[in-house]
């Protein structure tokens, strides 16, 4: 039986694209190498993500959302849908909504001393989010099987109705355990005296 070939498109730092062909027997070894690379990036560079699009306080083009611990297994943040993040006029872009949920998942791991990446998600966008709507974003872990963590995130209105606007069920791939559950004080303080997130 012939092994099926897979094409991987890899973007190189010079901006060129390289295609790699490999069969399924080679795929596992490549994935292990990539996982080691990601783990090294996360553990060696520390938890300073001040340039992160969602949570980074130094990213002038980002959302600059601050996440906090929510119980033993979760994270929580507030955000007001802004005009510059619209898709259709007056409506928050779905990609921003998804990015907020994805970030909540990462923070749910972070607050448990875990580091990982999103491996799979199934998102449902229930209602359009209008510009100016105050939102609560929550993420939490549900279960774990070896390196895979099942998790969930939701975006709800920050009002008496707490209407569910979007949700995602996700599988997170664990890269590191026993990492700090909070930042050292020197990493927390930003140049303006505020606090960064991760």
N, C-alpha and C. Protein backbone atom coordinates (compact mmCIF):
# COMPACT_ATOMS: atom_id res chain seq x y z
N UNK A 1 0.85 -1.17 0.00
CA UNK A 1 0.00 0.00 0.00
C UNK A 1 0.90 1.24 0.00
N UNK A 2 0.58 2.17 -0.82
CA UNK A 2 1.37 3.38 -0.96
C UNK A 2 0.95 4.41 0.09
N UNK A 3 1.94 5.00 0.78
CA UNK A 3 1.63 6.04 1.78
C UNK A 3 1.18 7.31 1.07
N UNK A 4 0.12 7.92 1.61
CA UNK A 4 -0.36 9.17 1.04
C UNK A 4 0.61 10.28 1.36
N UNK A 5 0.87 11.13 0.37
CA UNK A 5 1.79 12.25 0.58
C UNK A 5 1.00 13.47 1.01
N UNK A 6 1.64 14.28 1.83
CA UNK A 6 1.06 15.52 2.30
C UNK A 6 1.97 16.65 1.89
N UNK A 7 1.41 17.78 1.53
CA UNK A 7 2.21 18.95 1.19
C UNK A 7 2.07 19.94 2.33
N UNK A 8 3.19 20.40 2.81
CA UNK A 8 3.22 21.42 3.85
C UNK A 8 3.79 22.68 3.23
N UNK A 9 3.08 23.77 3.35
CA UNK A 9 3.59 25.05 2.87
C UNK A 9 4.18 25.77 4.06
N UNK A 10 5.46 26.12 3.94
CA UNK A 10 6.19 26.73 5.04
C UNK A 10 6.64 28.13 4.60
N UNK A 11 6.26 29.13 5.36
CA UNK A 11 6.66 30.50 5.07
C UNK A 11 8.00 30.76 5.73
N UNK A 12 8.98 31.05 4.91
CA UNK A 12 10.32 31.31 5.42
C UNK A 12 10.45 32.77 5.82
N UNK A 13 11.47 33.07 6.63
CA UNK A 13 11.64 34.43 7.15
C UNK A 13 11.88 35.45 6.03
N UNK A 14 12.44 35.02 4.90
CA UNK A 14 12.66 35.96 3.80
C UNK A 14 11.38 36.25 3.03
N UNK A 15 10.30 35.62 3.41
CA UNK A 15 9.02 35.86 2.75
C UNK A 15 8.77 34.91 1.60
N UNK A 16 9.67 33.97 1.37
CA UNK A 16 9.46 33.01 0.31
C UNK A 16 8.71 31.81 0.87
N UNK A 17 8.08 31.07 -0.01
CA UNK A 17 7.30 29.91 0.41
C UNK A 17 8.00 28.66 -0.08
N UNK A 18 8.14 27.70 0.81
CA UNK A 18 8.75 26.43 0.48
C UNK A 18 7.72 25.34 0.69
N UNK A 19 7.63 24.42 -0.25
CA UNK A 19 6.73 23.29 -0.07
C UNK A 19 7.55 22.08 0.33
N UNK A 20 7.10 21.37 1.36
CA UNK A 20 7.76 20.15 1.79
C UNK A 20 6.81 19.00 1.55
N UNK A 21 7.31 17.96 0.92
CA UNK A 21 6.52 16.76 0.69
C UNK A 21 6.99 15.69 1.67
N UNK A 22 6.08 15.03 2.32
CA UNK A 22 6.44 13.94 3.20
C UNK A 22 5.27 12.99 3.31
N UNK A 23 5.56 11.74 3.62
CA UNK A 23 4.47 10.79 3.79
C UNK A 23 4.11 10.69 5.26
N UNK A 24 3.07 9.95 5.55
CA UNK A 24 2.56 9.88 6.92
C UNK A 24 3.58 9.29 7.89
N UNK A 25 4.49 8.44 7.42
CA UNK A 25 5.51 7.89 8.31
C UNK A 25 6.46 8.98 8.79
N UNK A 26 6.71 9.98 7.96
CA UNK A 26 7.60 11.08 8.32
C UNK A 26 6.88 12.15 9.12
N UNK A 27 5.57 12.24 8.97
CA UNK A 27 4.80 13.32 9.57
C UNK A 27 4.95 13.36 11.09
N UNK A 28 4.91 12.22 11.77
CA UNK A 28 4.99 12.22 13.23
C UNK A 28 6.32 12.83 13.70
N UNK A 29 7.43 12.45 13.07
CA UNK A 29 8.73 13.00 13.44
C UNK A 29 8.79 14.50 13.25
N UNK A 30 8.21 14.99 12.16
CA UNK A 30 8.20 16.44 11.92
C UNK A 30 7.37 17.15 12.97
N UNK A 31 6.21 16.57 13.35
CA UNK A 31 5.36 17.18 14.36
C UNK A 31 6.07 17.24 15.71
N UNK A 32 6.78 16.19 16.06
CA UNK A 32 7.52 16.19 17.32
C UNK A 32 8.56 17.30 17.30
N UNK A 33 9.28 17.45 16.19
CA UNK A 33 10.27 18.52 16.07
C UNK A 33 9.63 19.90 16.21
N UNK A 34 8.49 20.10 15.60
CA UNK A 34 7.80 21.39 15.69
C UNK A 34 7.32 21.63 17.11
N UNK A 35 6.80 20.60 17.77
CA UNK A 35 6.36 20.75 19.15
C UNK A 35 7.51 21.15 20.06
N UNK A 36 8.68 20.53 19.86
CA UNK A 36 9.86 20.89 20.64
C UNK A 36 10.24 22.33 20.39
N UNK A 37 10.16 22.76 19.14
CA UNK A 37 10.50 24.14 18.79
C UNK A 37 9.55 25.12 19.49
N UNK A 38 8.25 24.85 19.43
CA UNK A 38 7.28 25.71 20.11
C UNK A 38 7.49 25.72 21.61
N UNK A 39 7.75 24.55 22.18
CA UNK A 39 7.99 24.47 23.62
C UNK A 39 9.20 25.31 24.00
N UNK A 40 10.28 25.22 23.23
CA UNK A 40 11.47 26.01 23.52
C UNK A 40 11.18 27.50 23.41
N UNK A 41 10.42 27.90 22.40
CA UNK A 41 10.06 29.31 22.27
C UNK A 41 9.30 29.80 23.50
N UNK A 42 8.33 29.03 23.92
CA UNK A 42 7.48 29.44 25.04
C UNK A 42 8.25 29.45 26.35
N UNK A 43 9.04 28.42 26.59
CA UNK A 43 9.74 28.35 27.88
C UNK A 43 10.97 29.23 27.92
N UNK A 44 11.72 29.34 26.84
CA UNK A 44 12.95 30.13 26.85
C UNK A 44 12.70 31.63 26.74
N UNK A 45 11.66 32.03 26.07
CA UNK A 45 11.37 33.44 25.92
C UNK A 45 10.55 33.97 27.09
N UNK A 46 10.13 33.09 27.97
CA UNK A 46 9.35 33.53 29.12
C UNK A 46 7.91 33.80 28.72
N UNK A 47 7.23 34.49 29.59
CA UNK A 47 5.81 34.73 29.39
C UNK A 47 5.52 36.17 28.96
N UNK A 48 6.52 36.91 28.59
CA UNK A 48 6.31 38.30 28.19
C UNK A 48 5.73 38.36 26.79
N UNK A 49 4.44 38.61 26.71
CA UNK A 49 3.77 38.72 25.41
C UNK A 49 3.23 40.14 25.24
N UNK A 50 4.05 41.11 25.59
CA UNK A 50 3.61 42.50 25.51
C UNK A 50 3.27 42.93 24.09
N UNK A 51 3.74 42.18 23.09
CA UNK A 51 3.41 42.49 21.71
C UNK A 51 2.23 41.70 21.17
N UNK A 52 1.61 40.88 22.00
CA UNK A 52 0.47 40.06 21.57
C UNK A 52 -0.65 40.95 21.04
N UNK A 53 -1.29 40.51 19.96
CA UNK A 53 -2.36 41.31 19.37
C UNK A 53 -3.54 41.50 20.32
N UNK A 54 -3.88 40.48 21.11
CA UNK A 54 -5.04 40.58 21.98
C UNK A 54 -4.69 41.19 23.34
N UNK A 55 -3.65 40.68 24.00
CA UNK A 55 -3.39 41.10 25.37
C UNK A 55 -2.20 42.04 25.53
N UNK A 56 -1.38 42.18 24.52
CA UNK A 56 -0.16 42.96 24.66
C UNK A 56 -0.39 44.45 24.86
N UNK A 57 0.10 44.96 25.97
CA UNK A 57 -0.07 46.38 26.26
C UNK A 57 0.84 47.26 25.41
N UNK A 58 1.91 46.69 24.85
CA UNK A 58 2.82 47.47 24.01
C UNK A 58 2.39 47.49 22.55
N UNK A 59 1.40 46.69 22.19
CA UNK A 59 0.95 46.63 20.80
C UNK A 59 -0.09 47.72 20.56
N UNK A 60 0.36 48.82 19.96
CA UNK A 60 -0.52 49.97 19.72
C UNK A 60 -1.69 49.64 18.79
N UNK A 61 -1.53 48.63 17.93
CA UNK A 61 -2.60 48.24 17.01
C UNK A 61 -3.48 47.13 17.56
N UNK A 62 -3.14 46.65 18.76
CA UNK A 62 -3.86 45.51 19.32
C UNK A 62 -5.07 45.89 20.15
N UNK A 63 -5.66 44.89 20.76
CA UNK A 63 -6.87 45.08 21.58
C UNK A 63 -6.53 45.50 22.99
N UNK A 64 -5.38 45.11 23.51
CA UNK A 64 -4.89 45.43 24.85
C UNK A 64 -5.91 45.05 25.94
N UNK A 65 -6.37 43.82 25.87
CA UNK A 65 -7.35 43.30 26.82
C UNK A 65 -6.61 42.61 27.98
N UNK A 66 -7.01 42.90 29.20
CA UNK A 66 -6.40 42.30 30.37
C UNK A 66 -7.25 41.13 30.86
N UNK A 67 -6.61 39.97 30.99
CA UNK A 67 -7.30 38.77 31.49
C UNK A 67 -6.94 38.54 32.95
N UNK A 68 -7.91 38.02 33.70
CA UNK A 68 -7.74 37.71 35.12
C UNK A 68 -8.17 36.27 35.36
N UNK A 69 -7.67 35.71 36.46
CA UNK A 69 -8.08 34.36 36.85
C UNK A 69 -9.58 34.35 37.12
N UNK A 70 -10.26 33.28 36.70
CA UNK A 70 -11.68 33.10 36.95
C UNK A 70 -11.87 31.69 37.51
N UNK A 71 -11.87 31.57 38.83
CA UNK A 71 -11.95 30.26 39.46
C UNK A 71 -10.63 29.52 39.33
N UNK A 72 -10.67 28.20 39.53
CA UNK A 72 -9.45 27.40 39.48
C UNK A 72 -9.02 27.03 38.07
N UNK A 73 -9.95 27.05 37.11
CA UNK A 73 -9.63 26.55 35.78
C UNK A 73 -9.92 27.54 34.66
N UNK A 74 -10.15 28.81 35.00
CA UNK A 74 -10.57 29.72 33.95
C UNK A 74 -9.92 31.07 33.93
N UNK A 75 -10.32 31.84 32.93
CA UNK A 75 -9.88 33.23 32.78
C UNK A 75 -11.08 34.08 32.39
N UNK A 76 -10.93 35.38 32.59
CA UNK A 76 -12.04 36.29 32.34
C UNK A 76 -11.49 37.66 31.97
N UNK A 77 -12.18 38.34 31.05
CA UNK A 77 -11.78 39.69 30.65
C UNK A 77 -13.02 40.45 30.22
N UNK A 78 -12.90 41.77 30.19
CA UNK A 78 -13.96 42.62 29.65
C UNK A 78 -13.39 43.37 28.45
N UNK A 79 -14.26 43.67 27.52
CA UNK A 79 -13.86 44.36 26.30
C UNK A 79 -15.10 45.07 25.76
N UNK A 80 -14.91 46.26 25.23
CA UNK A 80 -16.00 46.98 24.56
C UNK A 80 -15.70 46.99 23.07
N UNK A 81 -16.65 46.49 22.27
CA UNK A 81 -16.47 46.42 20.82
C UNK A 81 -16.20 47.82 20.26
N UNK A 82 -15.06 47.97 19.58
CA UNK A 82 -14.63 49.28 19.11
C UNK A 82 -14.80 49.40 17.60
N UNK A 83 -15.03 50.62 17.17
CA UNK A 83 -15.26 50.93 15.76
C UNK A 83 -14.14 50.43 14.87
N UNK A 84 -12.89 50.60 15.32
CA UNK A 84 -11.75 50.20 14.48
C UNK A 84 -11.62 48.68 14.34
N UNK A 85 -12.45 47.93 15.04
CA UNK A 85 -12.43 46.47 14.93
C UNK A 85 -13.68 45.93 14.24
N UNK A 86 -14.40 46.81 13.56
CA UNK A 86 -15.59 46.39 12.81
C UNK A 86 -15.23 45.56 11.59
N UNK A 87 -16.17 44.70 11.20
CA UNK A 87 -16.14 44.04 9.90
C UNK A 87 -17.13 44.82 9.03
N UNK A 88 -18.40 44.40 9.06
CA UNK A 88 -19.45 45.23 8.48
C UNK A 88 -19.60 46.48 9.33
N UNK A 89 -20.03 47.58 8.73
CA UNK A 89 -20.17 48.81 9.52
C UNK A 89 -21.06 48.60 10.74
N UNK A 90 -20.52 48.97 11.90
CA UNK A 90 -21.28 48.86 13.14
C UNK A 90 -21.30 47.49 13.78
N UNK A 91 -20.57 46.51 13.20
CA UNK A 91 -20.57 45.15 13.70
C UNK A 91 -19.13 44.67 13.92
N UNK A 92 -18.84 44.16 15.12
CA UNK A 92 -17.51 43.65 15.43
C UNK A 92 -17.14 42.53 14.46
N UNK A 93 -15.92 42.57 13.95
CA UNK A 93 -15.43 41.54 13.03
C UNK A 93 -15.41 40.19 13.74
N UNK A 94 -15.88 39.14 13.07
CA UNK A 94 -15.90 37.80 13.65
C UNK A 94 -14.51 37.31 14.03
N UNK A 95 -13.49 37.74 13.29
CA UNK A 95 -12.13 37.34 13.62
C UNK A 95 -11.68 37.90 14.96
N UNK A 96 -12.14 39.09 15.29
CA UNK A 96 -11.82 39.68 16.60
C UNK A 96 -12.53 38.89 17.69
N UNK A 97 -13.78 38.56 17.46
CA UNK A 97 -14.53 37.77 18.43
C UNK A 97 -13.83 36.44 18.68
N UNK A 98 -13.40 35.79 17.60
CA UNK A 98 -12.70 34.51 17.75
C UNK A 98 -11.37 34.70 18.47
N UNK A 99 -10.63 35.75 18.13
CA UNK A 99 -9.33 36.00 18.79
C UNK A 99 -9.51 36.19 20.29
N UNK A 100 -10.57 36.87 20.70
CA UNK A 100 -10.84 37.06 22.13
C UNK A 100 -11.08 35.71 22.82
N UNK A 101 -11.84 34.83 22.18
CA UNK A 101 -12.10 33.51 22.77
C UNK A 101 -10.83 32.68 22.82
N UNK A 102 -10.05 32.71 21.75
CA UNK A 102 -8.80 31.96 21.70
C UNK A 102 -7.84 32.42 22.80
N UNK A 103 -7.78 33.72 23.01
CA UNK A 103 -6.92 34.27 24.06
C UNK A 103 -7.39 33.83 25.45
N UNK A 104 -8.70 33.80 25.65
CA UNK A 104 -9.25 33.34 26.93
C UNK A 104 -8.84 31.90 27.21
N UNK A 105 -8.79 31.09 26.18
CA UNK A 105 -8.36 29.70 26.33
C UNK A 105 -6.90 29.64 26.77
N UNK A 106 -6.05 30.44 26.13
CA UNK A 106 -4.63 30.46 26.48
C UNK A 106 -4.42 30.91 27.93
N UNK A 107 -5.19 31.91 28.34
CA UNK A 107 -5.08 32.39 29.72
C UNK A 107 -5.59 31.38 30.72
N UNK A 108 -6.60 30.60 30.35
CA UNK A 108 -7.08 29.54 31.24
C UNK A 108 -5.97 28.55 31.53
N UNK A 109 -5.18 28.23 30.52
CA UNK A 109 -4.01 27.37 30.73
C UNK A 109 -2.97 28.08 31.58
N UNK A 110 -2.68 29.32 31.22
CA UNK A 110 -1.64 30.09 31.90
C UNK A 110 -1.85 30.14 33.40
N UNK A 111 -3.06 30.42 33.82
CA UNK A 111 -3.35 30.54 35.24
C UNK A 111 -3.27 29.21 35.99
N UNK A 112 -3.13 28.10 35.26
CA UNK A 112 -2.94 26.79 35.87
C UNK A 112 -1.48 26.33 35.79
N UNK A 113 -0.60 27.22 35.32
CA UNK A 113 0.80 26.87 35.18
C UNK A 113 1.08 26.02 33.97
N UNK A 114 0.20 26.07 32.98
CA UNK A 114 0.34 25.29 31.74
C UNK A 114 0.59 26.23 30.57
N UNK A 115 1.27 25.73 29.55
CA UNK A 115 1.47 26.50 28.32
C UNK A 115 1.09 25.59 27.16
N UNK A 116 0.32 26.13 26.24
CA UNK A 116 -0.10 25.32 25.10
C UNK A 116 -0.62 26.17 23.98
N UNK A 117 -1.01 25.51 22.92
CA UNK A 117 -1.55 26.18 21.73
C UNK A 117 -2.88 25.54 21.36
N UNK A 118 -3.68 26.28 20.64
CA UNK A 118 -4.98 25.77 20.19
C UNK A 118 -4.76 24.79 19.05
N UNK A 119 -5.28 23.58 19.19
CA UNK A 119 -5.13 22.56 18.16
C UNK A 119 -6.37 22.46 17.27
N UNK A 120 -7.55 22.65 17.88
CA UNK A 120 -8.80 22.50 17.13
C UNK A 120 -9.88 23.30 17.84
N UNK A 121 -10.76 23.90 17.05
CA UNK A 121 -11.90 24.60 17.64
C UNK A 121 -13.15 24.39 16.80
N UNK A 122 -14.27 24.54 17.45
CA UNK A 122 -15.57 24.56 16.79
C UNK A 122 -16.30 25.77 17.34
N UNK A 123 -16.40 26.83 16.55
CA UNK A 123 -16.97 28.08 17.03
C UNK A 123 -18.38 28.28 16.48
N UNK A 124 -19.23 28.90 17.31
CA UNK A 124 -20.57 29.29 16.91
C UNK A 124 -20.74 30.77 17.22
N UNK A 125 -21.12 31.53 16.21
CA UNK A 125 -21.38 32.95 16.37
C UNK A 125 -22.90 33.11 16.39
N UNK A 126 -23.46 33.37 17.56
CA UNK A 126 -24.91 33.34 17.75
C UNK A 126 -25.60 34.63 17.36
N UNK A 127 -24.96 35.77 17.63
CA UNK A 127 -25.57 37.08 17.34
C UNK A 127 -24.47 38.03 16.87
N UNK A 128 -24.81 38.96 15.98
CA UNK A 128 -23.84 40.00 15.64
C UNK A 128 -23.57 40.87 16.87
N UNK A 129 -22.31 41.25 17.06
CA UNK A 129 -21.94 42.10 18.19
C UNK A 129 -21.80 43.52 17.67
N UNK A 130 -22.65 44.41 18.14
CA UNK A 130 -22.65 45.79 17.65
C UNK A 130 -21.54 46.60 18.30
N UNK A 131 -21.01 47.55 17.54
CA UNK A 131 -20.00 48.45 18.06
C UNK A 131 -20.52 49.12 19.33
N UNK A 132 -19.65 49.21 20.34
CA UNK A 132 -20.03 49.82 21.61
C UNK A 132 -20.58 48.86 22.63
N UNK A 133 -20.78 47.60 22.26
CA UNK A 133 -21.33 46.60 23.20
C UNK A 133 -20.27 46.18 24.21
N UNK A 134 -20.54 46.34 25.51
CA UNK A 134 -19.61 45.82 26.52
C UNK A 134 -19.74 44.29 26.59
N UNK A 135 -18.60 43.61 26.63
CA UNK A 135 -18.58 42.16 26.58
C UNK A 135 -17.78 41.57 27.74
N UNK A 136 -18.16 40.36 28.12
CA UNK A 136 -17.37 39.55 29.04
C UNK A 136 -16.89 38.34 28.26
N UNK A 137 -15.58 38.09 28.31
CA UNK A 137 -14.98 36.94 27.65
C UNK A 137 -14.48 36.00 28.72
N UNK A 138 -14.90 34.73 28.63
CA UNK A 138 -14.47 33.73 29.61
C UNK A 138 -13.96 32.50 28.88
N UNK A 139 -12.94 31.88 29.46
CA UNK A 139 -12.44 30.61 28.95
C UNK A 139 -12.12 29.71 30.12
N UNK A 140 -12.28 28.39 29.96
CA UNK A 140 -11.97 27.47 31.04
C UNK A 140 -11.66 26.09 30.48
N UNK A 141 -10.88 25.35 31.24
CA UNK A 141 -10.55 23.98 30.85
C UNK A 141 -11.60 23.04 31.43
N UNK A 142 -11.82 21.94 30.73
CA UNK A 142 -12.85 20.97 31.12
C UNK A 142 -12.24 19.63 31.52
N UNK A 143 -11.36 19.11 30.65
CA UNK A 143 -10.76 17.81 30.93
C UNK A 143 -9.41 17.72 30.24
N UNK A 144 -8.65 16.69 30.65
CA UNK A 144 -7.32 16.51 30.08
C UNK A 144 -7.07 15.03 29.84
N UNK A 145 -6.46 14.74 28.68
CA UNK A 145 -6.00 13.39 28.37
C UNK A 145 -4.60 13.53 27.78
N UNK A 146 -3.61 13.18 28.55
CA UNK A 146 -2.20 13.35 28.21
C UNK A 146 -1.91 14.79 27.81
N UNK A 147 -1.55 15.04 26.56
CA UNK A 147 -1.17 16.39 26.13
C UNK A 147 -2.34 17.20 25.57
N UNK A 148 -3.54 16.63 25.56
CA UNK A 148 -4.70 17.31 25.00
C UNK A 148 -5.64 17.77 26.11
N UNK A 149 -6.04 19.02 26.03
CA UNK A 149 -6.94 19.60 27.03
C UNK A 149 -8.19 20.10 26.33
N UNK A 150 -9.34 19.61 26.76
CA UNK A 150 -10.61 20.11 26.24
C UNK A 150 -10.97 21.38 27.01
N UNK A 151 -11.40 22.39 26.28
CA UNK A 151 -11.68 23.68 26.90
C UNK A 151 -12.85 24.34 26.19
N UNK A 152 -13.35 25.40 26.79
CA UNK A 152 -14.49 26.15 26.23
C UNK A 152 -14.30 27.63 26.51
N UNK A 153 -14.77 28.44 25.57
CA UNK A 153 -14.75 29.89 25.76
C UNK A 153 -16.08 30.46 25.28
N UNK A 154 -16.48 31.57 25.91
CA UNK A 154 -17.73 32.25 25.55
C UNK A 154 -17.52 33.76 25.55
N UNK A 155 -18.31 34.41 24.72
CA UNK A 155 -18.42 35.87 24.74
C UNK A 155 -19.88 36.18 25.04
N UNK A 156 -20.09 36.92 26.13
CA UNK A 156 -21.44 37.31 26.54
C UNK A 156 -21.50 38.82 26.72
N UNK A 157 -22.72 39.36 26.64
CA UNK A 157 -22.89 40.78 26.90
C UNK A 157 -22.67 41.05 28.38
N UNK A 158 -22.06 42.20 28.67
CA UNK A 158 -21.80 42.58 30.06
C UNK A 158 -22.96 43.46 30.54
N UNK A 159 -24.11 42.81 30.71
CA UNK A 159 -25.31 43.49 31.20
C UNK A 159 -26.17 42.48 31.94
N UNK A 160 -27.34 42.88 32.33
CA UNK A 160 -28.22 42.01 33.12
C UNK A 160 -28.63 40.75 32.36
N UNK A 161 -28.69 40.81 31.03
CA UNK A 161 -29.14 39.65 30.26
C UNK A 161 -28.03 38.61 30.10
N UNK A 162 -26.76 39.04 30.10
CA UNK A 162 -25.61 38.16 29.89
C UNK A 162 -25.83 37.26 28.66
N UNK A 163 -26.29 37.87 27.58
CA UNK A 163 -26.64 37.11 26.37
C UNK A 163 -25.40 36.48 25.74
N UNK A 164 -25.52 35.21 25.39
CA UNK A 164 -24.44 34.49 24.74
C UNK A 164 -24.33 34.96 23.29
N UNK A 165 -23.19 35.54 22.92
CA UNK A 165 -22.99 36.07 21.58
C UNK A 165 -22.16 35.13 20.71
N UNK A 166 -21.18 34.46 21.33
CA UNK A 166 -20.32 33.52 20.59
C UNK A 166 -19.75 32.52 21.58
N UNK A 167 -19.40 31.34 21.07
CA UNK A 167 -18.85 30.29 21.91
C UNK A 167 -17.94 29.41 21.07
N UNK A 168 -16.99 28.78 21.74
CA UNK A 168 -16.15 27.81 21.05
C UNK A 168 -15.78 26.69 21.99
N UNK A 169 -15.82 25.49 21.47
CA UNK A 169 -15.27 24.33 22.16
C UNK A 169 -13.95 24.03 21.49
N UNK A 170 -12.92 23.78 22.29
CA UNK A 170 -11.58 23.67 21.74
C UNK A 170 -10.81 22.51 22.33
N UNK A 171 -9.81 22.09 21.59
CA UNK A 171 -8.81 21.18 22.08
C UNK A 171 -7.49 21.94 22.07
N UNK A 172 -6.86 22.01 23.24
CA UNK A 172 -5.58 22.68 23.38
C UNK A 172 -4.49 21.62 23.46
N UNK A 173 -3.36 21.91 22.79
CA UNK A 173 -2.22 20.99 22.84
C UNK A 173 -1.23 21.52 23.85
N UNK A 174 -0.95 20.73 24.87
CA UNK A 174 -0.09 21.15 25.97
C UNK A 174 1.38 21.03 25.57
N UNK A 175 2.12 22.12 25.77
CA UNK A 175 3.55 22.14 25.46
C UNK A 175 4.42 22.13 26.70
N UNK A 176 3.96 22.72 27.78
CA UNK A 176 4.77 22.81 28.99
C UNK A 176 3.88 22.80 30.22
N UNK A 177 4.39 22.21 31.29
CA UNK A 177 3.69 22.17 32.57
C UNK A 177 4.56 22.81 33.64
N UNK A 178 3.97 23.04 34.79
CA UNK A 178 4.69 23.60 35.94
C UNK A 178 5.36 24.92 35.63
N UNK A 179 4.76 25.70 34.75
CA UNK A 179 5.26 27.04 34.47
C UNK A 179 4.69 27.99 35.52
N UNK A 180 5.28 29.18 35.66
CA UNK A 180 4.73 30.12 36.63
C UNK A 180 3.26 30.43 36.34
N UNK A 181 2.46 30.57 37.39
CA UNK A 181 1.05 30.88 37.23
C UNK A 181 0.80 32.38 37.22
N UNK A 182 1.85 33.13 37.48
CA UNK A 182 1.78 34.59 37.37
C UNK A 182 3.17 35.08 37.00
N UNK A 183 3.24 36.31 36.57
CA UNK A 183 4.51 36.88 36.15
C UNK A 183 5.29 37.41 37.33
N UNK A 184 6.62 37.38 37.22
CA UNK A 184 7.40 38.09 38.22
C UNK A 184 7.05 39.57 38.18
N UNK A 185 7.20 40.26 39.29
CA UNK A 185 6.81 41.66 39.38
C UNK A 185 7.44 42.52 38.29
N UNK A 186 8.72 42.24 37.94
CA UNK A 186 9.37 43.07 36.93
C UNK A 186 8.76 42.90 35.55
N UNK A 187 8.17 41.73 35.26
CA UNK A 187 7.51 41.53 33.98
C UNK A 187 6.10 42.09 33.99
N UNK A 188 5.50 42.24 35.15
CA UNK A 188 4.13 42.74 35.23
C UNK A 188 4.05 44.24 34.95
N UNK A 189 5.02 44.99 35.42
CA UNK A 189 4.93 46.44 35.31
C UNK A 189 5.26 46.90 33.91
N UNK A 190 4.42 47.73 33.33
CA UNK A 190 4.66 48.29 32.01
C UNK A 190 5.26 49.67 32.17
N UNK A 191 5.66 50.27 31.06
CA UNK A 191 6.32 51.57 31.10
C UNK A 191 5.42 52.66 31.68
N UNK A 192 4.11 52.50 31.56
CA UNK A 192 3.22 53.54 32.07
C UNK A 192 2.76 53.24 33.50
N UNK A 193 3.38 52.24 34.14
CA UNK A 193 3.05 51.90 35.52
C UNK A 193 1.89 50.95 35.65
N UNK A 194 1.27 50.60 34.53
CA UNK A 194 0.16 49.64 34.57
C UNK A 194 0.71 48.22 34.57
N UNK A 195 -0.13 47.27 34.29
CA UNK A 195 0.29 45.88 34.29
C UNK A 195 0.01 45.25 32.95
N UNK A 196 0.97 44.46 32.47
CA UNK A 196 0.75 43.67 31.29
C UNK A 196 0.13 42.35 31.74
N UNK A 197 -0.20 41.48 30.77
CA UNK A 197 -0.94 40.29 31.15
C UNK A 197 -0.06 39.08 31.38
N UNK A 198 0.43 38.45 30.35
CA UNK A 198 1.15 37.20 30.47
C UNK A 198 2.60 37.46 30.66
